[in-house]
C-alpha cells in the first residue's frame, strides 16, 4: 500500500464561523448528547419499551444531523449524492439494526448466562447497580469501549480483520449515515465484543438503554459532515474532529483513534491523533477503488486482496 506522508492540505472552507453559526457549532455536540440522554432517561422512567425509546431518539438525531449538515457543513465537497445516501441507509438498516437483533438473540443470552454463573460463584453482583446513573453510564462507556477498541484494532492489524472492516473505510465522503457503512461480519464482531461485555456483567436495562443511545447518537455525529467545535471534549470522546483522521487514506493517519465512543483507551495505548482542526486531506482506501454498489460491498471480505499492516 502506498503511503503518502507529505501532501499539501486543500483548504476547502474557512476556518472561522461568524454570527450564530459559531455558538451553534460549539454547543451542538454536547447539547444533542445531553438532550437525547435526558430523553432516554425520561423514557425509562415512563416505562416505555427500550426499542421504542432508542428508535425515537435515533430518528430525532438523524433529523438533527441532517439539518446541521445543511447549515454547518464541514466540507461542501463531502455532500453525498442520492445513490451513496441510499446505500449507506441500507447498510445502516442491515448492519446496525438487523445484525444487532441477531446478536441479541444469539450472543447476548450466552454471555448473560456466563455472567450469571460468575455471580453465583462470587456470591455478589458484578455490576455496581447502587452507583449514581451518571457514573454507571461512564463505567459502561469505558468497559464497552475497551472491547470495541481492541476488536477495532484487531481488524486493522491482520488480513482477516481488514477484509471485514475495509468497507467502513471505503467511503470518500463522511456524512451521518456513514456510521452504518459496515459489513454484517464487522457489525456482528463489534457488537459482540462491545455491549456483550456489559450484558455479561449484568448491566441494568435502564443503564444499557442510555449506553445504546449514547453510542448511536455519537456514531451519527462522529461520522457527520458537520463543523462541530467540541473543544476539550475531543480529548475525551470520539468526536468527528478526531474520527475523521481514522478515515484518512493515509495509512499513518488512519491507524489511529480506534475508540468507538471515547478516546480514553487511545490515550492509554498511545494511538490518539488529532493534529489540527482541518482533518485529513483525503478519505478512503488509497490502493483500492470500491464502487458504490451494495452487493459489491457485501462481497468485500471474499474479494479484497491487498493488505498492509497498519498497527
Foldseek 3Di string as FASTA:
>chain_A
DDFDPDDDFDDQDDPDDDDPQVVCLAVVVVVLLVVLLVQLLVCVVVVHDLVVSLVVSLVVLVVVQVVQCVVFFLGPVQDDDPLLVVLLVVLCCCQVPVLLVVCVVPQLVVLLVLLVVVCVVVVHALQPPVDPLVVSLVVLLVQLQVQQLVLLLVLQADLLSVLQAQQLLADFHFALSSLSRGANVSSNSSCCRGCSVVSNRPPDPSSVSSNSNLLSSQSSQLRHRGSHDNDPQVQFFNGVLFCLQLQALRLQRVSADRGRTTCVVCVVVVRGDRPDRSGHRTGRHPPDNQDSDNVSSNCSSPPPDDHDGRD
